[in-house]
Amino acid sequence: MWQLDIVLTMLAVGALSGLTAGLFGVGGGLVLVPAMLWIFQLQGTEGAYGQHLAIGTTFAVMVFTTLSSVWAQHKKQAVDWKTVLLMAPGMVGGTLAGSLVSKYLPHEALQLFFIVFTVAMALKVLTDAKPKPSRGLPQKTALTAVGGVFGMISSWVGIGGGSLSVPFLMYCNVPVHRAIGTSAGLAWPIALTGAIGYLLSGMKVEDLPEGALGFWYLPAVVVLSIATVVFAPLGVKLAHRLPDKYLKKAFGCLLLLIALRMLWRMFAA
């Protein structure tokens, strides 16, 4: 069993993850994955599958986090469900396809490309670069294809779709609050797909710590989900109270943090 200080730490981590998810329309994995790795190290239970458990647990928590976030965004009428329904099948299919071919791809080159792309998007957002006023969302088939590309990239570099879909929607002149709300709608099917995948892939793995179901670490799923479900709607409320200008700046800073984290992982590996 966890000690009280670890439980309180996980509740704090879950609260921060939920706020981030609600504020920016992402899944919260930027906070959860390193936190889970740290907890496993403290317990001495990381073993050979610590990274798998951290990611699988994060996906399982994100199922509840994103559901809470998108429901709060829906009540604010900030979700473009038509766009969600067009992009989500592509994102799910792209995630599955990407996971199948990922072992054949040069991961360091892909990660470096994504880091450069993310920094470029962050600078574009932070400098408040304006897209062409005439630019809009692509047609139906193209939107599904874009979702597929985002799903594949997400599976290859280990990030959620929100860090890609929000800049894309803003590039297409979707207002930032609506872009974030729509991204929250896209995050749930990605989280569900990833959670099921990690559950199934870990079912026959031996030597997992007590409390693991596949690559879900159930004690962490329960504790973190309670906190994220409570705090994700608070993040949504905060997002809708912030003016567009400040919310864009905050999202640009989040993109830079994602890029820096990936760069650190490349050199630490």
C-alpha atoms as a PDB file:
ATOM      1  CA  MET A   1       0.000   0.000   0.000  1.00  0.00           C
ATOM      2  CA  TRP A   2       1.050   3.563  -0.600  1.00  0.00           C
ATOM      3  CA  GLN A   3       2.018   5.785   2.287  1.00  0.00           C
ATOM      4  CA  LEU A   4      -0.089   8.860   2.967  1.00  0.00           C
ATOM      5  CA  ASP A   5       2.531  11.247   1.590  1.00  0.00           C
ATOM      6  CA  ILE A   6       2.553   9.414  -1.757  1.00  0.00           C
ATOM      7  CA  VAL A   7      -1.261   9.472  -1.928  1.00  0.00           C
ATOM      8  CA  LEU A   8      -1.296  13.218  -1.223  1.00  0.00           C
ATOM      9  CA  THR A   9       1.408  13.757  -3.844  1.00  0.00           C
ATOM     10  CA  MET A  10      -0.629  11.825  -6.405  1.00  0.00           C
ATOM     11  CA  LEU A  11      -3.729  13.875  -5.593  1.00  0.00           C
ATOM     12  CA  ALA A  12      -1.707  17.056  -6.154  1.00  0.00           C
ATOM     13  CA  VAL A  13      -0.322  15.675  -9.433  1.00  0.00           C
ATOM     14  CA  GLY A  14      -3.837  14.718 -10.518  1.00  0.00           C
ATOM     15  CA  ALA A  15      -5.122  18.179  -9.672  1.00  0.00           C
ATOM     16  CA  LEU A  16      -2.395  19.825 -11.768  1.00  0.00           C
ATOM     17  CA  SER A  17      -3.005  17.391 -14.625  1.00  0.00           C
ATOM     18  CA  GLY A  18      -6.756  18.026 -14.538  1.00  0.00           C
ATOM     19  CA  LEU A  19      -6.286  21.792 -14.552  1.00  0.00           C
ATOM     20  CA  THR A  20      -3.911  21.497 -17.520  1.00  0.00           C
ATOM     21  CA  ALA A  21      -6.325  19.258 -19.407  1.00  0.00           C
ATOM     22  CA  GLY A  22      -9.276  21.575 -18.861  1.00  0.00           C
ATOM     23  CA  LEU A  23      -7.299  24.732 -19.551  1.00  0.00           C
ATOM     24  CA  PHE A  24      -5.699  23.628 -22.820  1.00  0.00           C
ATOM     25  CA  GLY A  25      -7.844  20.778 -24.190  1.00  0.00           C
ATOM     26  CA  VAL A  26      -5.074  18.192 -23.785  1.00  0.00           C
ATOM     27  CA  GLY A  27      -4.966  14.877 -21.947  1.00  0.00           C
ATOM     28  CA  GLY A  28      -2.592  15.820 -19.137  1.00  0.00           C
ATOM     29  CA  GLY A  29       0.104  13.296 -20.013  1.00  0.00           C
ATOM     30  CA  LEU A  30       2.795  15.982 -19.833  1.00  0.00           C
ATOM     31  CA  VAL A  31       2.325  15.915 -16.054  1.00  0.00           C
ATOM     32  CA  LEU A  32       1.239  12.317 -15.463  1.00  0.00           C
ATOM     33  CA  VAL A  33       3.914  10.260 -17.249  1.00  0.00           C
ATOM     34  CA  PRO A  34       6.977  11.705 -15.443  1.00  0.00           C
ATOM     35  CA  ALA A  35       5.049  11.688 -12.155  1.00  0.00           C
ATOM     36  CA  MET A  36       4.246   7.986 -12.528  1.00  0.00           C
ATOM     37  CA  LEU A  37       7.862   7.144 -13.360  1.00  0.00           C
ATOM     38  CA  TRP A  38       8.958   9.012 -10.232  1.00  0.00           C
ATOM     39  CA  ILE A  39       6.407   7.179  -8.053  1.00  0.00           C
ATOM     40  CA  PHE A  40       7.491   3.796  -9.408  1.00  0.00           C
ATOM     41  CA  GLN A  41      11.110   4.663  -8.620  1.00  0.00           C
ATOM     42  CA  LEU A  42      10.183   5.659  -5.061  1.00  0.00           C
ATOM     43  CA  GLN A  43       8.409   2.337  -4.583  1.00  0.00           C
ATOM     44  CA  GLY A  44      11.095   0.333  -6.346  1.00  0.00           C
ATOM     45  CA  THR A  45       8.440  -1.217  -8.597  1.00  0.00           C
ATOM     46  CA  GLU A  46       9.375   0.222 -11.979  1.00  0.00           C
ATOM     47  CA  GLY A  47      11.138  -2.971 -13.155  1.00  0.00           C
ATOM     48  CA  ALA A  48      11.586  -3.578 -16.868  1.00  0.00           C
ATOM     49  CA  TYR A  49       8.140  -2.204 -17.711  1.00  0.00           C
ATOM     50  CA  GLY A  50       8.115   1.079 -15.798  1.00  0.00           C
ATOM     51  CA  GLN A  51       7.699   3.189 -18.934  1.00  0.00           C
ATOM     52  CA  HIS A  52       4.901   0.940 -20.233  1.00  0.00           C
ATOM     53  CA  LEU A  53       3.092   1.119 -16.888  1.00  0.00           C
ATOM     54  CA  ALA A  54       3.497   4.897 -16.723  1.00  0.00           C
ATOM     55  CA  ILE A  55       2.054   5.423 -20.208  1.00  0.00           C
ATOM     56  CA  GLY A  56      -0.690   2.799 -19.836  1.00  0.00           C
ATOM     57  CA  THR A  57      -1.757   4.243 -16.487  1.00  0.00           C
ATOM     58  CA  THR A  58      -1.733   7.737 -17.972  1.00  0.00           C
ATOM     59  CA  PHE A  59      -3.992   6.680 -20.844  1.00  0.00           C
ATOM     60  CA  ALA A  60      -6.408   5.022 -18.398  1.00  0.00           C
ATOM     61  CA  VAL A  61      -6.575   8.179 -16.273  1.00  0.00           C
ATOM     62  CA  MET A  62      -6.976  10.325 -19.393  1.00  0.00           C
ATOM     63  CA  VAL A  63     -10.179   8.449 -20.289  1.00  0.00           C
ATOM     64  CA  PHE A  64     -11.818   9.975 -17.213  1.00  0.00           C
ATOM     65  CA  THR A  65      -9.964  13.301 -17.398  1.00  0.00           C
ATOM     66  CA  THR A  66     -10.909  14.050 -20.990  1.00  0.00           C
ATOM     67  CA  LEU A  67     -14.516  12.942 -20.453  1.00  0.00           C
ATOM     68  CA  SER A  68     -14.806  15.391 -17.556  1.00  0.00           C
ATOM     69  CA  SER A  69     -13.098  18.118 -19.581  1.00  0.00           C
ATOM     70  CA  VAL A  70     -15.168  17.700 -22.746  1.00  0.00           C
ATOM     71  CA  TRP A  71     -18.434  17.638 -20.785  1.00  0.00           C
ATOM     72  CA  ALA A  72     -17.504  20.945 -19.148  1.00  0.00           C
ATOM     73  CA  GLN A  73     -16.541  22.361 -22.567  1.00  0.00           C
ATOM     74  CA  HIS A  74     -19.816  21.113 -24.051  1.00  0.00           C
ATOM     75  CA  LYS A  75     -21.784  22.979 -21.383  1.00  0.00           C
ATOM     76  CA  LYS A  76     -19.873  26.109 -22.442  1.00  0.00           C
ATOM     77  CA  GLN A  77     -20.912  25.365 -26.075  1.00  0.00           C
ATOM     78  CA  ALA A  78     -17.219  25.371 -27.005  1.00  0.00           C
ATOM     79  CA  VAL A  79     -17.058  22.003 -28.810  1.00  0.00           C
ATOM     80  CA  ASP A  80     -17.446  21.799 -32.592  1.00  0.00           C
ATOM     81  CA  TRP A  81     -18.905  18.294 -32.650  1.00  0.00           C
ATOM     82  CA  LYS A  82     -19.025  18.171 -36.440  1.00  0.00           C
ATOM     83  CA  THR A  83     -15.249  18.615 -36.573  1.00  0.00           C
ATOM     84  CA  VAL A  84     -14.783  16.082 -33.762  1.00  0.00           C
ATOM     85  CA  LEU A  85     -16.844  13.461 -35.613  1.00  0.00           C
ATOM     86  CA  LEU A  86     -14.858  14.035 -38.804  1.00  0.00           C
ATOM     87  CA  MET A  87     -11.378  14.023 -37.251  1.00  0.00           C
ATOM     88  CA  ALA A  88     -11.798  11.412 -34.510  1.00  0.00           C
ATOM     89  CA  PRO A  89     -12.012   8.305 -36.780  1.00  0.00           C
ATOM     90  CA  GLY A  90      -8.833   9.405 -38.536  1.00  0.00           C
ATOM     91  CA  MET A  91      -7.051  10.038 -35.234  1.00  0.00           C
ATOM     92  CA  VAL A  92      -8.028   6.631 -33.843  1.00  0.00           C
ATOM     93  CA  GLY A  93      -7.063   4.857 -37.074  1.00  0.00           C
ATOM     94  CA  GLY A  94      -3.833   6.821 -37.302  1.00  0.00           C
ATOM     95  CA  THR A  95      -2.923   5.989 -33.712  1.00  0.00           C
ATOM     96  CA  LEU A  96      -3.468   2.268 -34.311  1.00  0.00           C
ATOM     97  CA  ALA A  97      -1.614   2.295 -37.642  1.00  0.00           C
ATOM     98  CA  GLY A  98       1.230   4.335 -36.215  1.00  0.00           C
ATOM     99  CA  SER A  99       1.701   1.933 -33.321  1.00  0.00           C
ATOM    100  CA  LEU A 100       1.979  -0.988 -35.765  1.00  0.00           C
ATOM    101  CA  VAL A 101       4.702   0.576 -37.927  1.00  0.00           C
ATOM    102  CA  SER A 102       6.525   2.558 -35.237  1.00  0.00           C
ATOM    103  CA  LYS A 103       9.231  -0.078 -34.718  1.00  0.00           C
ATOM    104  CA  TYR A 104      10.338   0.346 -38.341  1.00  0.00           C
ATOM    105  CA  LEU A 105      10.798   4.126 -38.104  1.00  0.00           C
ATOM    106  CA  PRO A 106      13.802   6.206 -36.946  1.00  0.00           C
ATOM    107  CA  HIS A 107      12.390   7.474 -33.649  1.00  0.00           C
ATOM    108  CA  GLU A 108      15.117  10.029 -32.956  1.00  0.00           C
ATOM    109  CA  ALA A 109      14.573  11.672 -36.353  1.00  0.00           C
ATOM    110  CA  LEU A 110      10.807  11.730 -35.778  1.00  0.00           C
ATOM    111  CA  GLN A 111      11.211  13.222 -32.318  1.00  0.00           C
ATOM    112  CA  LEU A 112      13.612  15.872 -33.593  1.00  0.00           C
ATOM    113  CA  PHE A 113      11.168  16.797 -36.373  1.00  0.00           C
ATOM    114  CA  PHE A 114       8.344  17.090 -33.861  1.00  0.00           C
ATOM    115  CA  ILE A 115      10.445  19.225 -31.507  1.00  0.00           C
ATOM    116  CA  VAL A 116      11.277  21.661 -34.326  1.00  0.00           C
ATOM    117  CA  PHE A 117       7.628  21.698 -35.434  1.00  0.00           C
ATOM    118  CA  THR A 118       6.371  22.287 -31.882  1.00  0.00           C
ATOM    119  CA  VAL A 119       8.817  25.136 -31.241  1.00  0.00           C
ATOM    120  CA  ALA A 120       7.782  26.735 -34.547  1.00  0.00           C
ATOM    121  CA  MET A 121       4.095  26.472 -33.582  1.00  0.00           C
ATOM    122  CA  ALA A 122       4.832  27.859 -30.111  1.00  0.00           C
ATOM    123  CA  LEU A 123       6.648  30.872 -31.536  1.00  0.00           C
ATOM    124  CA  LYS A 124       3.810  31.417 -33.990  1.00  0.00           C
ATOM    125  CA  VAL A 125       1.293  31.437 -31.144  1.00  0.00           C
ATOM    126  CA  LEU A 126       3.452  33.534 -28.794  1.00  0.00           C
ATOM    127  CA  THR A 127       4.117  36.178 -31.452  1.00  0.00           C
ATOM    128  CA  ASP A 128       0.375  36.270 -32.230  1.00  0.00           C
ATOM    129  CA  ALA A 129       0.939  35.628 -35.947  1.00  0.00           C
ATOM    130  CA  LYS A 130      -2.366  36.053 -37.767  1.00  0.00           C
ATOM    131  CA  PRO A 131      -3.550  33.411 -40.277  1.00  0.00           C
ATOM    132  CA  LYS A 132      -5.041  34.532 -43.568  1.00  0.00           C
ATOM    133  CA  PRO A 133      -8.605  35.743 -42.903  1.00  0.00           C
ATOM    134  CA  SER A 134      -9.911  33.643 -45.798  1.00  0.00           C
ATOM    135  CA  ARG A 135      -8.515  30.382 -44.422  1.00  0.00           C
ATOM    136  CA  GLY A 136     -11.031  27.891 -43.037  1.00  0.00           C
ATOM    137  CA  LEU A 137     -11.270  24.239 -42.121  1.00  0.00           C
ATOM    138  CA  PRO A 138     -10.622  21.706 -44.917  1.00  0.00           C
ATOM    139  CA  GLN A 139     -13.372  19.603 -46.466  1.00  0.00           C
ATOM    140  CA  LYS A 140     -14.686  16.432 -44.791  1.00  0.00           C
ATOM    141  CA  THR A 141     -12.271  13.896 -46.297  1.00  0.00           C
ATOM    142  CA  ALA A 142      -9.291  16.170 -45.751  1.00  0.00           C
ATOM    143  CA  LEU A 143     -10.240  16.693 -42.085  1.00  0.00           C
ATOM    144  CA  THR A 144     -10.349  12.943 -41.523  1.00  0.00           C
ATOM    145  CA  ALA A 145      -6.963  12.598 -43.233  1.00  0.00           C
ATOM    146  CA  VAL A 146      -5.502  15.350 -41.033  1.00  0.00           C
ATOM    147  CA  GLY A 147      -6.805  13.470 -38.004  1.00  0.00           C
ATOM    148  CA  GLY A 148      -5.055  10.338 -39.270  1.00  0.00           C
ATOM    149  CA  VAL A 149      -1.744  12.155 -39.623  1.00  0.00           C
ATOM    150  CA  PHE A 150      -2.075  13.631 -36.122  1.00  0.00           C
ATOM    151  CA  GLY A 151      -2.897  10.192 -34.699  1.00  0.00           C
ATOM    152  CA  MET A 152       0.179   8.638 -36.287  1.00  0.00           C
ATOM    153  CA  ILE A 153       2.478  11.422 -35.096  1.00  0.00           C
ATOM    154  CA  SER A 154       1.025  11.148 -31.591  1.00  0.00           C
ATOM    155  CA  SER A 155       1.724   7.414 -31.453  1.00  0.00           C
ATOM    156  CA  TRP A 156       5.260   7.853 -32.793  1.00  0.00           C
ATOM    157  CA  VAL A 157       6.454  10.567 -30.437  1.00  0.00           C
ATOM    158  CA  GLY A 158       4.358   9.781 -27.365  1.00  0.00           C
ATOM    159  CA  ILE A 159       2.202  12.896 -27.076  1.00  0.00           C
ATOM    160  CA  GLY A 160      -1.526  13.538 -27.107  1.00  0.00           C
ATOM    161  CA  GLY A 161      -3.377  14.961 -30.078  1.00  0.00           C
ATOM    162  CA  GLY A 162      -4.208  18.267 -28.373  1.00  0.00           C
ATOM    163  CA  SER A 163      -0.745  19.719 -28.910  1.00  0.00           C
ATOM    164  CA  LEU A 164      -1.321  19.208 -32.649  1.00  0.00           C
ATOM    165  CA  SER A 165      -5.048  19.808 -33.073  1.00  0.00           C
ATOM    166  CA  VAL A 166      -5.239  23.123 -31.186  1.00  0.00           C
ATOM    167  CA  PRO A 167      -2.556  24.879 -33.320  1.00  0.00           C
ATOM    168  CA  PHE A 168      -4.117  23.374 -36.467  1.00  0.00           C
ATOM    169  CA  LEU A 169      -7.603  24.636 -35.598  1.00  0.00           C
ATOM    170  CA  MET A 170      -6.238  28.070 -34.698  1.00  0.00           C
ATOM    171  CA  TYR A 171      -4.359  28.077 -38.028  1.00  0.00           C
ATOM    172  CA  CYS A 172      -7.761  27.536 -39.678  1.00  0.00           C
ATOM    173  CA  ASN A 173      -9.156  30.627 -37.910  1.00  0.00           C
ATOM    174  CA  VAL A 174     -11.071  28.711 -35.247  1.00  0.00           C
ATOM    175  CA  PRO A 175     -11.213  30.939 -32.112  1.00  0.00           C
ATOM    176  CA  VAL A 176      -8.844  29.740 -29.399  1.00  0.00           C
ATOM    177  CA  HIS A 177     -11.559  28.840 -26.858  1.00  0.00           C
ATOM    178  CA  ARG A 178     -13.437  26.785 -29.459  1.00  0.00           C
ATOM    179  CA  ALA A 179     -10.194  25.195 -30.684  1.00  0.00           C
ATOM    180  CA  ILE A 180      -9.391  24.051 -27.143  1.00  0.00           C
ATOM    181  CA  GLY A 181     -12.949  22.803 -26.556  1.00  0.00           C
ATOM    182  CA  THR A 182     -12.910  20.840 -29.815  1.00  0.00           C
ATOM    183  CA  SER A 183      -9.492  19.413 -28.979  1.00  0.00           C
ATOM    184  CA  ALA A 184     -10.919  18.135 -25.693  1.00  0.00           C
ATOM    185  CA  GLY A 185     -13.537  16.258 -27.705  1.00  0.00           C
ATOM    186  CA  LEU A 186     -10.796  14.703 -29.837  1.00  0.00           C
ATOM    187  CA  ALA A 187      -8.702  13.712 -26.812  1.00  0.00           C
ATOM    188  CA  TRP A 188     -11.230  11.222 -25.412  1.00  0.00           C
ATOM    189  CA  PRO A 189     -11.217   8.653 -28.269  1.00  0.00           C
ATOM    190  CA  ILE A 190      -7.413   8.838 -28.392  1.00  0.00           C
ATOM    191  CA  ALA A 191      -7.229   8.185 -24.642  1.00  0.00           C
ATOM    192  CA  LEU A 192      -9.695   5.288 -24.888  1.00  0.00           C
ATOM    193  CA  THR A 193      -7.805   3.702 -27.791  1.00  0.00           C
ATOM    194  CA  GLY A 194      -4.471   4.019 -26.003  1.00  0.00           C
ATOM    195  CA  ALA A 195      -5.870   2.711 -22.708  1.00  0.00           C
ATOM    196  CA  ILE A 196      -7.356  -0.404 -24.316  1.00  0.00           C
ATOM    197  CA  GLY A 197      -4.164  -1.016 -26.279  1.00  0.00           C
ATOM    198  CA  TYR A 198      -1.950  -0.865 -23.187  1.00  0.00           C
ATOM    199  CA  LEU A 199      -4.405  -2.977 -21.183  1.00  0.00           C
ATOM    200  CA  LEU A 200      -4.384  -5.772 -23.768  1.00  0.00           C
ATOM    201  CA  SER A 201      -0.665  -5.635 -24.533  1.00  0.00           C
ATOM    202  CA  GLY A 202       0.194  -6.081 -20.865  1.00  0.00           C
ATOM    203  CA  MET A 203      -2.247  -8.862 -19.979  1.00  0.00           C
ATOM    204  CA  LYS A 204       0.246 -11.708 -20.534  1.00  0.00           C
ATOM    205  CA  VAL A 205       3.297  -9.898 -19.173  1.00  0.00           C
ATOM    206  CA  GLU A 206       4.757 -11.432 -16.028  1.00  0.00           C
ATOM    207  CA  ASP A 207       6.559  -9.733 -13.138  1.00  0.00           C
ATOM    208  CA  LEU A 208       4.295  -6.679 -13.070  1.00  0.00           C
ATOM    209  CA  PRO A 209       3.778  -5.084  -9.634  1.00  0.00           C
ATOM    210  CA  GLU A 210       0.824  -6.024  -7.457  1.00  0.00           C
ATOM    211  CA  GLY A 211      -2.177  -3.931  -8.430  1.00  0.00           C
ATOM    212  CA  ALA A 212      -1.400  -3.918 -12.146  1.00  0.00           C
ATOM    213  CA  LEU A 213      -4.022  -4.915 -14.710  1.00  0.00           C
ATOM    214  CA  GLY A 214      -2.199  -5.177 -17.993  1.00  0.00           C
ATOM    215  CA  PHE A 215      -0.168  -1.983 -18.148  1.00  0.00           C
ATOM    216  CA  TRP A 216      -2.671  -0.129 -15.941  1.00  0.00           C
ATOM    217  CA  TYR A 217      -1.522   0.417 -12.360  1.00  0.00           C
ATOM    218  CA  LEU A 218      -4.955   0.442 -10.742  1.00  0.00           C
ATOM    219  CA  PRO A 219      -4.141   2.220  -7.427  1.00  0.00           C
ATOM    220  CA  ALA A 220      -2.758   5.166  -9.406  1.00  0.00           C
ATOM    221  CA  VAL A 221      -5.666   5.095 -11.868  1.00  0.00           C
ATOM    222  CA  VAL A 222      -8.151   5.447  -8.996  1.00  0.00           C
ATOM    223  CA  VAL A 223      -6.326   8.174  -7.052  1.00  0.00           C
ATOM    224  CA  LEU A 224      -5.342  10.244 -10.088  1.00  0.00           C
ATOM    225  CA  SER A 225      -8.748   9.958 -11.771  1.00  0.00           C
ATOM    226  CA  ILE A 226     -10.546  11.295  -8.702  1.00  0.00           C
ATOM    227  CA  ALA A 227      -8.355  14.408  -8.732  1.00  0.00           C
ATOM    228  CA  THR A 228      -8.381  14.978 -12.499  1.00  0.00           C
ATOM    229  CA  VAL A 229     -12.160  14.594 -12.805  1.00  0.00           C
ATOM    230  CA  VAL A 230     -12.664  17.211 -10.085  1.00  0.00           C
ATOM    231  CA  PHE A 231     -10.102  19.701 -11.397  1.00  0.00           C
ATOM    232  CA  ALA A 232     -10.600  19.427 -15.183  1.00  0.00           C
ATOM    233  CA  PRO A 233     -13.879  21.429 -15.082  1.00  0.00           C
ATOM    234  CA  LEU A 234     -12.106  24.074 -12.994  1.00  0.00           C
ATOM    235  CA  GLY A 235      -9.488  24.333 -15.749  1.00  0.00           C
ATOM    236  CA  VAL A 236     -12.274  24.796 -18.292  1.00  0.00           C
ATOM    237  CA  LYS A 237     -13.813  27.583 -16.203  1.00  0.00           C
ATOM    238  CA  LEU A 238     -10.432  29.285 -15.915  1.00  0.00           C
ATOM    239  CA  ALA A 239      -9.879  29.019 -19.672  1.00  0.00           C
ATOM    240  CA  HIS A 240     -13.188  30.706 -20.436  1.00  0.00           C
ATOM    241  CA  ARG A 241     -12.433  33.537 -18.022  1.00  0.00           C
ATOM    242  CA  LEU A 242      -9.101  34.290 -19.687  1.00  0.00           C
ATOM    243  CA  PRO A 243      -9.049  36.671 -22.664  1.00  0.00           C
ATOM    244  CA  ASP A 244      -8.030  35.104 -25.989  1.00  0.00           C
ATOM    245  CA  LYS A 245      -4.663  36.867 -25.924  1.00  0.00           C
ATOM    246  CA  TYR A 246      -3.592  35.430 -22.572  1.00  0.00           C
ATOM    247  CA  LEU A 247      -4.931  31.952 -23.302  1.00  0.00           C
ATOM    248  CA  LYS A 248      -2.934  31.859 -26.552  1.00  0.00           C
ATOM    249  CA  LYS A 249       0.228  32.915 -24.712  1.00  0.00           C
ATOM    250  CA  ALA A 250      -0.313  30.236 -22.082  1.00  0.00           C
ATOM    251  CA  PHE A 251      -0.829  27.579 -24.755  1.00  0.00           C
ATOM    252  CA  GLY A 252       2.337  28.713 -26.529  1.00  0.00           C
ATOM    253  CA  CYS A 253       4.267  28.240 -23.274  1.00  0.00           C
ATOM    254  CA  LEU A 254       2.755  24.753 -22.916  1.00  0.00           C
ATOM    255  CA  LEU A 255       4.016  23.844 -26.402  1.00  0.00           C
ATOM    256  CA  LEU A 256       7.509  24.997 -25.447  1.00  0.00           C
ATOM    257  CA  LEU A 257       7.374  22.834 -22.308  1.00  0.00           C
ATOM    258  CA  ILE A 258       6.358  19.817 -24.403  1.00  0.00           C
ATOM    259  CA  ALA A 259       9.260  20.435 -26.799  1.00  0.00           C
ATOM    260  CA  LEU A 260      11.744  20.840 -23.930  1.00  0.00           C
ATOM    261  CA  ARG A 261      10.515  17.655 -22.271  1.00  0.00           C
ATOM    262  CA  MET A 262      10.934  15.682 -25.492  1.00  0.00           C
ATOM    263  CA  LEU A 263      14.409  17.147 -26.005  1.00  0.00           C
ATOM    264  CA  TRP A 264      15.371  16.132 -22.472  1.00  0.00           C
ATOM    265  CA  ARG A 265      14.064  12.592 -23.071  1.00  0.00           C
ATOM    266  CA  MET A 266      16.142  12.323 -26.259  1.00  0.00           C
ATOM    267  CA  PHE A 267      19.383  13.195 -24.480  1.00  0.00           C
ATOM    268  CA  ALA A 268      18.534  11.241 -21.329  1.00  0.00           C
ATOM    269  CA  ALA A 269      17.826   8.043 -23.265  1.00  0.00           C
END
